[in-house]
Protein backbone atom coordinates (compact mmCIF):
# COMPACT_ATOMS: atom_id res chain seq x y z
CA MET A 1 75.29 -75.75 -131.81
CA ALA A 2 78.64 -76.13 -133.54
CA ASN A 3 78.83 -72.34 -133.77
CA ASP A 4 78.35 -72.01 -129.97
CA SER A 5 81.13 -74.53 -129.42
CA LYS A 6 83.43 -72.69 -131.82
CA ALA A 7 82.63 -69.33 -130.19
CA GLY A 8 83.39 -70.88 -126.79
CA GLU A 9 86.75 -72.13 -128.04
CA VAL A 10 87.61 -68.73 -129.47
CA GLY A 11 86.56 -67.08 -126.22
CA ALA A 12 88.68 -69.51 -124.21
CA ARG A 13 91.77 -68.82 -126.34
CA TYR A 14 91.42 -65.05 -126.02
CA ALA A 15 90.68 -65.35 -122.30
CA SER A 16 93.77 -67.47 -121.81
CA ALA A 17 95.93 -64.88 -123.56
CA LEU A 18 94.41 -62.05 -121.51
CA PHE A 19 94.84 -64.04 -118.31
CA ASP A 20 98.52 -64.66 -119.07
CA LEU A 21 99.09 -60.94 -119.71
CA ALA A 22 97.18 -59.98 -116.56
CA LYS A 23 99.16 -62.51 -114.52
CA ASP A 24 102.48 -61.27 -115.88
CA GLY A 25 101.48 -57.68 -115.08
CA ARG A 26 100.01 -58.61 -111.69
CA GLU A 27 96.67 -57.24 -112.81
CA ILE A 28 94.38 -60.24 -112.44
CA ALA A 29 92.18 -58.55 -109.84
CA THR A 30 91.98 -55.32 -111.86
CA VAL A 31 91.13 -57.04 -115.14
CA SER A 32 88.64 -59.30 -113.32
CA ALA A 33 86.88 -56.24 -111.91
CA ASP A 34 86.83 -54.59 -115.35
CA LEU A 35 85.34 -57.70 -116.96
CA LYS A 36 82.79 -58.10 -114.18
CA SER A 37 81.63 -54.51 -114.79
CA LEU A 38 81.52 -55.15 -118.51
CA LYS A 39 79.50 -58.33 -117.98
CA THR A 40 76.94 -56.32 -116.00
CA MET A 41 76.83 -53.68 -118.72
CA ILE A 42 76.21 -56.34 -121.37
CA ALA A 43 73.42 -57.87 -119.30
CA GLU A 44 71.75 -54.50 -118.73
CA SER A 45 72.14 -52.91 -122.18
CA ALA A 46 70.33 -54.24 -125.24
CA ASP A 47 72.21 -51.66 -127.34
CA LEU A 48 75.56 -53.05 -126.22
CA ARG A 49 74.45 -56.62 -126.95
CA ILE A 50 73.38 -55.51 -130.44
CA LEU A 51 76.69 -53.71 -131.02
CA LEU A 52 78.65 -56.82 -130.08
CA ALA A 53 76.58 -59.35 -132.03
CA SER A 54 75.37 -57.51 -135.10
CA PRO A 55 77.26 -57.88 -138.39
CA VAL A 56 75.84 -54.46 -139.38
CA PHE A 57 78.58 -52.82 -137.30
CA ASP A 58 82.11 -53.26 -138.61
CA ALA A 59 85.20 -53.90 -136.51
CA GLU A 60 86.03 -50.20 -136.36
CA ASP A 61 82.56 -49.27 -135.02
CA LYS A 62 82.77 -52.01 -132.42
CA ALA A 63 86.26 -50.91 -131.39
CA LYS A 64 85.10 -47.29 -131.01
CA GLY A 65 82.07 -48.35 -128.97
CA LEU A 66 84.09 -50.59 -126.67
CA ALA A 67 86.80 -47.91 -126.29
CA ALA A 68 84.18 -45.34 -125.26
CA ILE A 69 82.71 -47.74 -122.71
CA ALA A 70 86.15 -48.62 -121.35
CA ASP A 71 87.14 -44.95 -121.04
CA ARG A 72 83.89 -43.99 -119.31
CA ALA A 73 84.15 -46.95 -116.91
CA GLY A 74 87.82 -46.24 -116.14
CA PHE A 75 89.08 -49.66 -117.20
CA SER A 76 92.78 -50.48 -116.94
CA PRO A 77 95.02 -49.89 -119.97
CA LEU A 78 95.39 -53.67 -120.40
CA THR A 79 91.62 -54.18 -120.54
CA LYS A 80 91.21 -51.27 -122.97
CA LYS A 81 93.94 -52.57 -125.25
CA PHE A 82 92.49 -56.08 -125.13
CA LEU A 83 88.98 -54.87 -126.05
CA GLY A 84 90.46 -52.97 -129.00
CA LEU A 85 92.32 -56.08 -130.14
CA LEU A 86 89.21 -58.24 -129.79
CA ALA A 87 87.15 -55.83 -131.89
CA GLY A 88 89.98 -55.39 -134.41
CA GLN A 89 90.15 -59.15 -134.90
CA ARG A 90 86.37 -59.25 -135.51
CA ARG A 91 85.82 -61.24 -132.33
CA ALA A 92 83.67 -58.78 -130.33
CA SER A 93 80.77 -61.22 -130.57
CA ALA A 94 82.84 -63.66 -128.46
CA LEU A 95 83.21 -61.16 -125.60
CA ARG A 96 80.73 -62.94 -123.30
CA ASP A 97 82.60 -66.22 -123.83
CA VAL A 98 85.90 -64.45 -123.13
CA ILE A 99 84.54 -63.04 -119.87
CA THR A 100 83.16 -66.42 -118.76
CA ALA A 101 86.43 -68.20 -119.56
CA PHE A 102 88.52 -65.49 -117.87
CA GLU A 103 86.36 -65.71 -114.72
CA ALA A 104 86.94 -69.49 -114.62
CA LEU A 105 90.72 -69.05 -115.04
CA ALA A 106 90.84 -66.36 -112.34
CA ALA A 107 88.75 -68.46 -109.96
CA ALA A 108 91.01 -71.49 -110.46
CA TRP A 109 94.08 -69.31 -109.93
CA ARG A 110 92.59 -68.09 -106.63
CA GLY A 111 91.75 -71.68 -105.64
CA VAL A 112 88.00 -71.28 -105.79
CA VAL A 113 85.34 -72.84 -107.99
CA ALA A 114 82.98 -70.57 -109.91
CA ALA A 115 79.32 -71.53 -109.60
CA GLN A 116 76.47 -69.85 -111.44
CA VAL A 117 73.23 -70.23 -109.51
CA THR A 118 69.81 -69.51 -111.00
CA THR A 119 66.67 -69.33 -108.88
CA ALA A 120 63.10 -68.19 -109.50
CA ILE A 121 63.28 -65.63 -106.67
CA PRO A 122 66.27 -63.95 -104.99
CA LEU A 123 68.03 -66.00 -102.31
CA SER A 124 68.14 -64.69 -98.76
CA PRO A 125 71.56 -64.26 -97.13
CA ALA A 126 70.90 -67.40 -95.05
CA GLN A 127 70.02 -69.41 -98.16
CA THR A 128 73.12 -68.15 -99.97
CA SER A 129 75.27 -69.11 -96.99
CA GLY A 130 73.70 -72.58 -96.82
CA LEU A 131 74.18 -73.05 -100.56
CA ALA A 132 77.83 -72.00 -100.28
CA ALA A 133 78.37 -74.53 -97.49
CA ALA A 134 76.70 -77.32 -99.49
CA LEU A 135 78.76 -76.49 -102.59
CA ARG A 136 81.96 -76.31 -100.54
CA GLN A 137 81.27 -79.82 -99.24
CA ALA A 138 80.27 -81.23 -102.64
CA LEU A 139 83.07 -79.62 -104.63
CA GLY A 140 85.87 -79.80 -102.09
CA ALA A 141 86.75 -76.16 -102.77
CA ASP A 142 85.44 -72.75 -101.88
CA PRO A 143 82.70 -71.70 -104.29
CA GLU A 144 82.48 -68.24 -105.81
CA ILE A 145 78.76 -67.93 -106.35
CA GLU A 146 77.18 -65.72 -108.99
CA THR A 147 73.41 -65.59 -108.55
CA ARG A 148 70.80 -64.89 -111.17
CA VAL A 149 67.03 -64.67 -110.90
CA ASP A 150 64.96 -66.23 -113.67
CA PRO A 151 61.22 -66.51 -112.90
CA ALA A 152 60.85 -68.82 -115.93
CA ILE A 153 62.25 -71.76 -113.93
CA LEU A 154 59.15 -71.46 -111.70
CA GLY A 155 60.90 -72.75 -108.56
CA GLY A 156 63.87 -74.79 -107.38
CA ILE A 157 67.44 -74.11 -108.40
CA LYS A 158 69.94 -74.54 -111.23
CA VAL A 159 73.66 -74.65 -110.45
CA ARG A 160 76.31 -74.55 -113.18
CA VAL A 161 79.87 -75.42 -112.22
CA GLY A 162 82.14 -75.40 -115.24
CA SER A 163 80.43 -77.43 -117.96
CA ARG A 164 78.22 -79.31 -115.49
CA LEU A 165 74.64 -78.26 -114.87
CA TYR A 166 72.72 -79.46 -111.83
CA ASP A 167 69.08 -78.74 -112.61
CA ALA A 168 66.59 -79.07 -109.76
CA SER A 169 64.18 -76.51 -111.17
CA LEU A 170 60.44 -77.03 -111.16
CA LYS A 171 60.31 -76.24 -114.89
CA SER A 172 62.69 -79.09 -115.77
CA LYS A 173 60.75 -81.48 -113.56
CA LEU A 174 57.49 -80.49 -115.24
CA ASP A 175 59.11 -80.85 -118.67
CA SER A 176 60.32 -84.35 -117.73
CA LEU A 177 56.85 -85.29 -116.55
CA LYS A 178 55.31 -83.89 -119.74
CA PHE A 179 57.76 -85.91 -121.84
CA ALA A 180 57.07 -89.09 -119.83
CA LEU A 181 53.31 -88.63 -120.27
CA LYS A 182 53.70 -88.19 -124.05
CA ARG A 183 55.63 -91.47 -124.27
CA ALA A 184 53.02 -93.37 -122.26
């Protein structure tokens, strides 16, 4: 757990530096788009996740891999340079934390609140709209919703805003009931 916290802090520091550079160069939207694409690539590619996390690959291998991905995807020079720096500093494993922290900084800069929503099945457009309205009222700011489907939660919804998690999933309710029955 302490390692996750440390990785999050490292990611936040690197994200803050990247955000400052992107802001100075008026490239926040461009870098945000690059990182969003990279986040999708990480989610979809087990090989990329292994490259980033495995100590078997040295900093040079990770830098080459990230450079190839950045070139193929057409990332901005700032994003490419940043990915090279991250790998060179042996911090490629913190890339997901960097992306998450950068997204939060960019959302705050735009005056919106980032919300990660997990459901057991995909939300319909009407449900997404209703959720956005409810979050707007609860948070007092426009939400930028990122949805994810995870059948393991069985039903209901999980909403993460910053470090807060609102868990109304069926799985968590069943786990609570199971725990209560064990104590009885």
